[in-house]
N, C-alpha and C. Protein backbone atom coordinates (compact mmCIF):
# COMPACT_ATOMS: atom_id res chain seq x y z
N MET A 1 26.51 -21.29 -10.53
CA MET A 1 25.11 -21.59 -11.32
C MET A 1 24.08 -21.73 -10.46
N ARG A 2 24.48 -22.46 -9.35
CA ARG A 2 23.53 -22.83 -8.25
C ARG A 2 22.93 -21.59 -7.38
N ALA A 3 23.66 -20.76 -7.29
CA ALA A 3 23.59 -19.43 -6.48
C ALA A 3 22.58 -18.55 -7.48
N ALA A 4 23.02 -18.66 -8.77
CA ALA A 4 22.11 -18.09 -9.63
C ALA A 4 20.55 -18.29 -9.54
N ILE A 5 20.54 -19.60 -9.71
CA ILE A 5 19.08 -20.23 -9.76
C ILE A 5 18.46 -20.24 -8.45
N ILE A 6 19.10 -20.33 -7.26
CA ILE A 6 18.53 -19.71 -5.76
C ILE A 6 17.83 -18.22 -5.94
N ILE A 7 19.00 -17.43 -6.54
CA ILE A 7 18.39 -15.84 -6.77
C ILE A 7 17.38 -15.77 -7.60
N PHE A 8 17.18 -16.58 -8.41
CA PHE A 8 15.96 -16.30 -9.81
C PHE A 8 14.92 -17.14 -9.00
N ILE A 9 14.74 -18.13 -8.16
CA ILE A 9 13.76 -18.81 -7.40
C ILE A 9 13.18 -17.57 -6.53
N PHE A 10 14.04 -16.94 -5.71
CA PHE A 10 13.57 -16.02 -4.68
C PHE A 10 12.90 -15.04 -5.53
N ILE A 11 13.40 -14.30 -6.43
CA ILE A 11 12.82 -13.24 -6.95
C ILE A 11 11.52 -13.58 -7.91
N THR A 12 11.40 -14.81 -8.14
CA THR A 12 10.43 -15.16 -8.87
C THR A 12 9.25 -15.50 -7.67
N LEU A 13 9.64 -15.79 -6.49
CA LEU A 13 8.55 -16.00 -5.53
C LEU A 13 8.15 -14.70 -4.91
N CYS A 14 8.99 -13.86 -4.78
CA CYS A 14 8.80 -12.31 -4.35
C CYS A 14 7.64 -11.59 -5.32
N LEU A 15 7.54 -12.00 -6.57
CA LEU A 15 6.78 -11.19 -7.83
C LEU A 15 5.57 -12.18 -7.85
N ILE A 16 5.58 -13.28 -7.60
CA ILE A 16 4.46 -14.12 -7.44
C ILE A 16 3.54 -13.61 -6.04
N SER A 17 4.42 -13.47 -5.23
CA SER A 17 3.53 -13.29 -3.71
C SER A 17 2.98 -11.72 -3.88
N GLY A 18 3.87 -10.86 -4.59
CA GLY A 18 3.61 -9.44 -4.51
C GLY A 18 3.45 -8.92 -2.93
N GLN A 19 2.15 -8.56 -2.58
CA GLN A 19 2.08 -7.75 -1.44
C GLN A 19 2.23 -8.53 -0.14
N VAL A 20 2.25 -9.75 -0.41
CA VAL A 20 2.38 -10.50 0.74
C VAL A 20 3.79 -10.40 1.57
N LEU A 21 4.88 -10.85 0.60
CA LEU A 21 6.40 -10.99 1.24
C LEU A 21 6.93 -9.78 0.86
N CYS A 22 6.66 -8.84 -0.35
CA CYS A 22 7.62 -7.90 -0.90
C CYS A 22 7.14 -6.62 -1.16
N PHE A 23 6.36 -6.32 -0.30
CA PHE A 23 5.33 -5.11 -0.69
C PHE A 23 6.22 -3.64 0.14
N ARG A 24 6.91 -3.07 -0.90
CA ARG A 24 7.78 -2.01 -0.58
C ARG A 24 7.30 -1.07 -1.74
N VAL A 25 7.04 0.15 -1.26
CA VAL A 25 6.77 1.42 -2.20
C VAL A 25 7.56 2.38 -2.44
N PHE A 26 8.34 2.78 -3.05
CA PHE A 26 9.18 3.99 -3.21
C PHE A 26 8.67 5.30 -3.82
N GLY A 27 8.94 6.44 -3.13
CA GLY A 27 8.68 7.86 -3.83
C GLY A 27 9.85 8.69 -3.55
N CYS A 28 9.30 10.17 -4.02
CA CYS A 28 10.63 11.09 -3.98
C CYS A 28 10.18 11.90 -3.05
N ALA A 29 10.74 12.79 -2.46
CA ALA A 29 10.55 13.86 -1.51
C ALA A 29 9.96 15.14 -2.43
N GLY A 30 8.69 15.55 -1.97
CA GLY A 30 8.25 16.70 -2.90
C GLY A 30 7.04 15.98 -4.07
N GLY A 31 7.07 14.55 -4.23
CA GLY A 31 6.29 14.16 -5.24
C GLY A 31 5.14 13.52 -4.91
N SER A 32 4.59 12.67 -5.65
CA SER A 32 3.37 11.78 -5.42
C SER A 32 3.46 10.35 -5.44
N LEU A 33 2.75 9.90 -4.99
CA LEU A 33 2.86 8.02 -5.13
C LEU A 33 1.53 7.52 -4.98
N MET A 34 1.38 6.30 -6.11
CA MET A 34 -0.18 5.82 -6.05
C MET A 34 0.23 4.49 -5.89
N PHE A 35 -0.43 3.58 -5.20
CA PHE A 35 -0.01 2.04 -5.23
C PHE A 35 -1.28 1.33 -4.79
N LYS A 36 -1.25 -0.17 -5.18
CA LYS A 36 -2.81 -0.67 -4.74
C LYS A 36 -2.27 -1.74 -3.48
N CYS A 37 -3.36 -1.68 -2.75
CA CYS A 37 -3.10 -2.76 -1.43
C CYS A 37 -4.05 -3.89 -1.98
N MET A 38 -3.47 -4.92 -1.66
CA MET A 38 -4.04 -6.04 -2.23
C MET A 38 -5.16 -6.69 -1.07
N ILE A 39 -6.50 -6.79 -1.44
CA ILE A 39 -7.53 -7.27 -0.40
C ILE A 39 -7.20 -9.00 -0.19
N SER A 40 -7.64 -9.23 0.87
CA SER A 40 -7.56 -10.61 1.36
C SER A 40 -7.79 -11.52 0.12
N ASN A 41 -7.37 -12.90 -0.14
CA ASN A 41 -7.88 -13.80 -0.89
C ASN A 41 -9.02 -14.31 -0.84
N GLN A 42 -9.83 -14.21 0.36
CA GLN A 42 -10.68 -14.89 0.60
C GLN A 42 -12.09 -13.84 0.03
N LYS A 43 -13.08 -14.49 -0.67
CA LYS A 43 -14.25 -13.96 -1.15
C LYS A 43 -14.86 -13.25 0.04
N LYS A 44 -14.94 -11.95 -0.18
CA LYS A 44 -15.57 -10.89 0.59
C LYS A 44 -17.01 -10.72 0.37
N THR A 45 -17.90 -10.41 1.29
CA THR A 45 -19.45 -9.98 1.01
C THR A 45 -19.08 -8.21 1.25
N GLU A 46 -20.48 -7.86 0.54
CA GLU A 46 -20.39 -6.43 0.57
C GLU A 46 -19.88 -5.56 1.86
N GLU A 47 -20.47 -6.29 3.06
CA GLU A 47 -20.18 -5.56 4.47
C GLU A 47 -18.63 -5.62 4.74
N GLN A 48 -18.23 -6.86 4.52
CA GLN A 48 -16.91 -7.09 4.84
C GLN A 48 -15.84 -6.42 3.53
N ARG A 49 -16.22 -5.86 2.92
CA ARG A 49 -15.34 -4.81 1.67
C ARG A 49 -15.01 -3.59 2.43
N LYS A 50 -16.01 -3.23 3.21
CA LYS A 50 -15.86 -1.77 3.73
C LYS A 50 -15.18 -1.55 4.88
N GLY A 51 -14.43 -0.60 5.21
CA GLY A 51 -13.47 -0.19 6.16
C GLY A 51 -12.21 -0.49 5.65
N ASN A 52 -11.66 -0.20 4.67
CA ASN A 52 -10.35 -0.21 4.22
C ASN A 52 -9.64 0.94 4.81
N PHE A 53 -8.35 0.72 5.19
CA PHE A 53 -7.43 1.48 5.69
C PHE A 53 -5.90 1.85 5.34
N PHE A 54 -5.37 2.68 5.29
CA PHE A 54 -3.93 2.62 5.26
C PHE A 54 -3.43 3.58 6.32
N CYS A 55 -2.63 3.49 7.24
CA CYS A 55 -2.09 4.30 8.02
C CYS A 55 -0.69 3.57 8.81
N ARG A 56 0.05 4.61 9.58
CA ARG A 56 1.24 4.07 10.10
C ARG A 56 0.88 2.94 11.21
N ARG A 57 1.91 2.36 11.16
CA ARG A 57 1.63 0.79 11.48
C ARG A 57 1.48 1.02 13.10
N ARG A 58 2.19 1.77 13.93
CA ARG A 58 1.95 1.65 15.46
C ARG A 58 0.52 2.35 15.70
N SER A 59 0.69 3.64 15.27
CA SER A 59 -0.45 4.48 15.95
C SER A 59 -1.79 4.55 15.23
N CYS A 60 -1.61 4.47 13.58
CA CYS A 60 -2.79 4.56 12.82
C CYS A 60 -2.97 6.19 12.72
N ILE A 61 -2.15 6.86 13.18
CA ILE A 61 -2.54 8.54 13.56
C ILE A 61 -2.95 9.00 12.10
N SER A 62 -1.80 8.82 11.12
CA SER A 62 -1.45 9.43 10.04
C SER A 62 -1.93 8.48 8.84
N GLY A 63 -3.13 8.84 8.06
CA GLY A 63 -3.15 7.51 7.02
C GLY A 63 -4.95 8.09 6.69
N ILE A 64 -5.56 7.04 6.26
CA ILE A 64 -7.10 7.30 5.73
C ILE A 64 -7.47 5.94 5.58
N SER A 65 -9.19 6.18 6.08
CA SER A 65 -10.08 4.90 5.86
C SER A 65 -10.91 5.31 5.24
N SER A 66 -11.82 4.35 4.84
CA SER A 66 -12.99 4.62 4.27
C SER A 66 -13.89 3.40 4.44
N GLU A 67 -15.35 3.99 4.51
CA GLU A 67 -16.41 2.74 4.22
C GLU A 67 -17.04 2.76 3.17
N LEU A 68 -16.73 3.96 2.01
CA LEU A 68 -17.18 3.83 0.83
C LEU A 68 -16.53 3.24 -0.45
N GLN A 69 -17.08 2.79 -1.45
CA GLN A 69 -16.74 2.23 -2.40
C GLN A 69 -17.01 3.00 -3.82
N ARG A 70 -16.22 2.76 -4.93
CA ARG A 70 -16.57 3.49 -6.21
C ARG A 70 -16.67 5.18 -5.71
N ARG A 71 -15.52 5.69 -5.14
CA ARG A 71 -15.57 7.04 -4.69
C ARG A 71 -14.30 7.14 -3.86
N TRP A 72 -13.72 8.29 -4.51
CA TRP A 72 -12.12 8.79 -3.72
C TRP A 72 -12.79 9.34 -2.44
N VAL A 73 -11.88 8.92 -1.47
CA VAL A 73 -12.06 9.25 0.07
C VAL A 73 -10.36 10.33 0.23
N TYR A 74 -10.69 11.30 0.82
CA TYR A 74 -9.34 12.47 1.03
C TYR A 74 -9.10 12.59 2.71
N ASN A 75 -7.85 12.54 2.91
CA ASN A 75 -7.67 13.12 4.33
C ASN A 75 -6.50 13.74 4.17
N GLY A 76 -6.39 14.95 3.95
CA GLY A 76 -5.24 15.70 3.65
C GLY A 76 -4.52 15.45 2.56
N ARG A 77 -3.28 14.87 2.80
CA ARG A 77 -2.44 14.33 1.71
C ARG A 77 -2.82 12.93 1.15
N PHE A 78 -3.49 12.29 1.81
CA PHE A 78 -3.63 10.90 1.42
C PHE A 78 -5.25 10.75 0.74
N ALA A 79 -5.23 10.01 0.26
CA ALA A 79 -6.61 9.55 -0.68
C ALA A 79 -6.86 7.78 -0.97
N LEU A 80 -7.99 7.72 -0.70
CA LEU A 80 -8.08 6.20 -0.98
C LEU A 80 -9.22 5.55 -1.86
N TYR A 81 -9.48 4.67 -2.77
CA TYR A 81 -10.06 4.44 -3.70
C TYR A 81 -10.47 2.96 -3.94
N ASP A 82 -11.71 2.51 -3.53
CA ASP A 82 -12.02 0.78 -3.96
C ASP A 82 -13.02 0.79 -4.88
N ASP A 83 -12.85 0.18 -6.07
CA ASP A 83 -13.91 0.28 -6.86
C ASP A 83 -14.95 -0.73 -6.49
N GLY A 84 -14.57 -1.63 -5.90
CA GLY A 84 -15.47 -2.62 -5.21
C GLY A 84 -15.40 -3.97 -6.11
N ASN A 85 -14.78 -3.95 -7.12
CA ASN A 85 -14.95 -4.96 -8.15
C ASN A 85 -13.69 -5.85 -8.06
N SER A 86 -12.67 -5.25 -7.74
CA SER A 86 -11.29 -5.71 -7.88
C SER A 86 -10.89 -6.42 -6.61
N ARG A 87 -9.52 -7.08 -6.56
CA ARG A 87 -9.12 -7.60 -5.26
C ARG A 87 -8.00 -6.52 -4.63
N PHE A 88 -8.32 -5.28 -5.14
CA PHE A 88 -7.33 -4.20 -4.64
C PHE A 88 -7.87 -2.96 -4.47
N PHE A 89 -7.45 -1.93 -3.35
CA PHE A 89 -7.81 -0.92 -3.78
C PHE A 89 -6.85 0.00 -3.78
N THR A 90 -6.92 1.37 -4.25
CA THR A 90 -5.93 2.48 -4.36
C THR A 90 -5.55 3.25 -3.29
N VAL A 91 -4.27 3.61 -3.39
CA VAL A 91 -3.85 4.68 -2.12
C VAL A 91 -2.98 5.13 -2.86
N PHE A 92 -3.54 6.99 -2.67
CA PHE A 92 -2.45 7.83 -3.09
C PHE A 92 -2.11 8.65 -2.29
N ILE A 93 -0.84 9.17 -2.29
CA ILE A 93 -0.07 10.19 -1.25
C ILE A 93 0.65 11.16 -2.04
N ARG A 94 0.11 12.45 -1.67
CA ARG A 94 0.97 13.38 -2.43
C ARG A 94 1.77 14.27 -1.41
N ASN A 95 2.80 15.00 -2.33
CA ASN A 95 3.85 15.71 -1.39
C ASN A 95 4.35 14.95 -0.54
N LEU A 96 4.98 14.04 -0.53
CA LEU A 96 5.87 13.08 0.06
C LEU A 96 6.84 13.92 1.01
N SER A 97 7.15 13.54 1.89
CA SER A 97 8.35 14.23 2.81
C SER A 97 8.95 12.94 3.57
N ARG A 98 10.49 13.54 3.80
CA ARG A 98 11.16 12.15 4.66
C ARG A 98 10.43 11.55 5.99
N GLU A 99 9.86 12.46 6.38
CA GLU A 99 8.85 12.07 7.62
C GLU A 99 7.87 10.68 7.45
N ASP A 100 7.44 10.80 6.11
CA ASP A 100 6.54 9.68 5.53
C ASP A 100 7.24 8.54 5.65
N ASP A 101 8.54 8.28 5.63
CA ASP A 101 9.48 7.26 5.45
C ASP A 101 9.24 6.26 6.36
N GLY A 102 8.88 5.16 6.61
CA GLY A 102 8.34 3.95 7.55
C GLY A 102 7.65 3.03 7.42
N LYS A 103 7.28 2.45 8.15
CA LYS A 103 6.09 1.17 8.30
C LYS A 103 4.86 1.68 8.30
N TYR A 104 4.02 0.85 7.66
CA TYR A 104 2.60 1.29 7.27
C TYR A 104 1.88 -0.06 7.31
N ALA A 105 0.50 -0.07 7.67
CA ALA A 105 -0.48 -1.14 7.11
C ALA A 105 -1.41 -0.62 6.48
N CYS A 106 -2.02 -1.81 5.44
CA CYS A 106 -3.12 -1.21 4.77
C CYS A 106 -4.14 -2.44 4.73
N GLY A 107 -5.44 -2.66 5.06
CA GLY A 107 -6.08 -3.57 5.42
C GLY A 107 -7.76 -2.98 5.36
N ASN A 108 -8.37 -3.80 6.31
CA ASN A 108 -9.73 -3.83 6.30
C ASN A 108 -10.03 -4.15 7.83
N ASN A 109 -10.86 -3.21 8.44
CA ASN A 109 -11.26 -3.08 9.45
C ASN A 109 -11.78 -4.59 10.03
N GLN A 110 -12.06 -5.46 9.38
CA GLN A 110 -12.93 -6.79 9.71
C GLN A 110 -11.93 -7.61 10.10
N LYS A 111 -11.08 -7.96 9.43
CA LYS A 111 -10.00 -9.03 9.81
C LYS A 111 -8.78 -9.19 9.33
N TRP A 112 -8.30 -8.51 8.24
CA TRP A 112 -6.78 -8.51 7.90
C TRP A 112 -6.37 -7.36 7.15
N SER A 113 -4.90 -7.60 7.37
CA SER A 113 -4.15 -6.38 6.96
C SER A 113 -2.96 -6.61 6.42
N ARG A 114 -1.93 -5.83 5.75
CA ARG A 114 -0.72 -6.27 5.05
C ARG A 114 0.00 -5.07 5.42
N ASP A 115 1.73 -5.63 5.71
CA ASP A 115 2.44 -4.36 5.95
C ASP A 115 3.03 -3.51 4.94
N VAL A 116 3.35 -2.54 4.94
CA VAL A 116 3.74 -1.83 3.64
C VAL A 116 4.90 -0.87 4.32
N ASP A 117 6.05 -1.21 3.59
CA ASP A 117 7.16 -0.53 3.76
C ASP A 117 7.28 0.36 2.65
N LEU A 118 7.32 2.29 3.16
CA LEU A 118 7.32 3.07 2.36
C LEU A 118 8.63 3.78 2.69
N LYS A 119 8.97 3.83 1.52
CA LYS A 119 10.63 4.40 1.35
C LYS A 119 10.78 5.52 0.52
N VAL A 120 11.02 6.88 1.18
CA VAL A 120 10.78 8.04 0.67
C VAL A 120 12.41 8.48 0.54
N ASN A 121 12.63 8.64 -0.94
CA ASN A 121 13.92 8.98 -1.58
C ASN A 121 14.63 10.84 -0.66
N ARG A 122 15.61 10.70 -0.51
CA ARG A 122 16.12 11.97 0.09
C ARG A 122 16.17 13.32 -0.55
N GLY A 123 16.50 13.01 -1.95
CA GLY A 123 16.44 14.05 -3.19
C GLY A 123 15.05 14.11 -3.39
N THR A 124 14.77 15.02 -4.37
CA THR A 124 13.57 15.21 -4.93
C THR A 124 13.26 14.66 -6.28
N CYS A 125 12.05 14.50 -7.05
CA CYS A 125 11.94 13.68 -7.89
C CYS A 125 12.60 14.04 -9.21
N ASP A 126 13.21 15.25 -9.08
CA ASP A 126 13.69 15.87 -10.59
C ASP A 126 15.23 15.29 -10.42
N THR A 127 15.87 14.62 -9.29
CA THR A 127 17.25 14.12 -9.47
C THR A 127 17.37 12.64 -9.62
N LEU A 128 16.15 12.11 -10.27
CA LEU A 128 15.99 10.67 -10.68
C LEU A 128 16.16 10.40 -12.09
């Protein structure tokens, strides 16, 4: 009984904290993936909200960044959208491959970022 309560509390904390402690996204090879990156808890000025990015953690070579709001920005298979009003910006990746599997970061060039663990299923979306 005690173990069940501890597991329940842990899962609840993960769900409450969302992108802070439990930010993993899953996709299928050949498929597409859309998810939201949480913007810092602090209230941001218009200038600070610019410069959102999503890229591979170490090199930041593959990915996307944007200085724009209320407009989709595209870079190859990646797209990013910030509506300017919510505490999230949206990342879209199409044509996922096993090579996309790994650690990423989403954040803002000003001060903050969140780690993202992208897992790509070995099969295709048709097998799920």
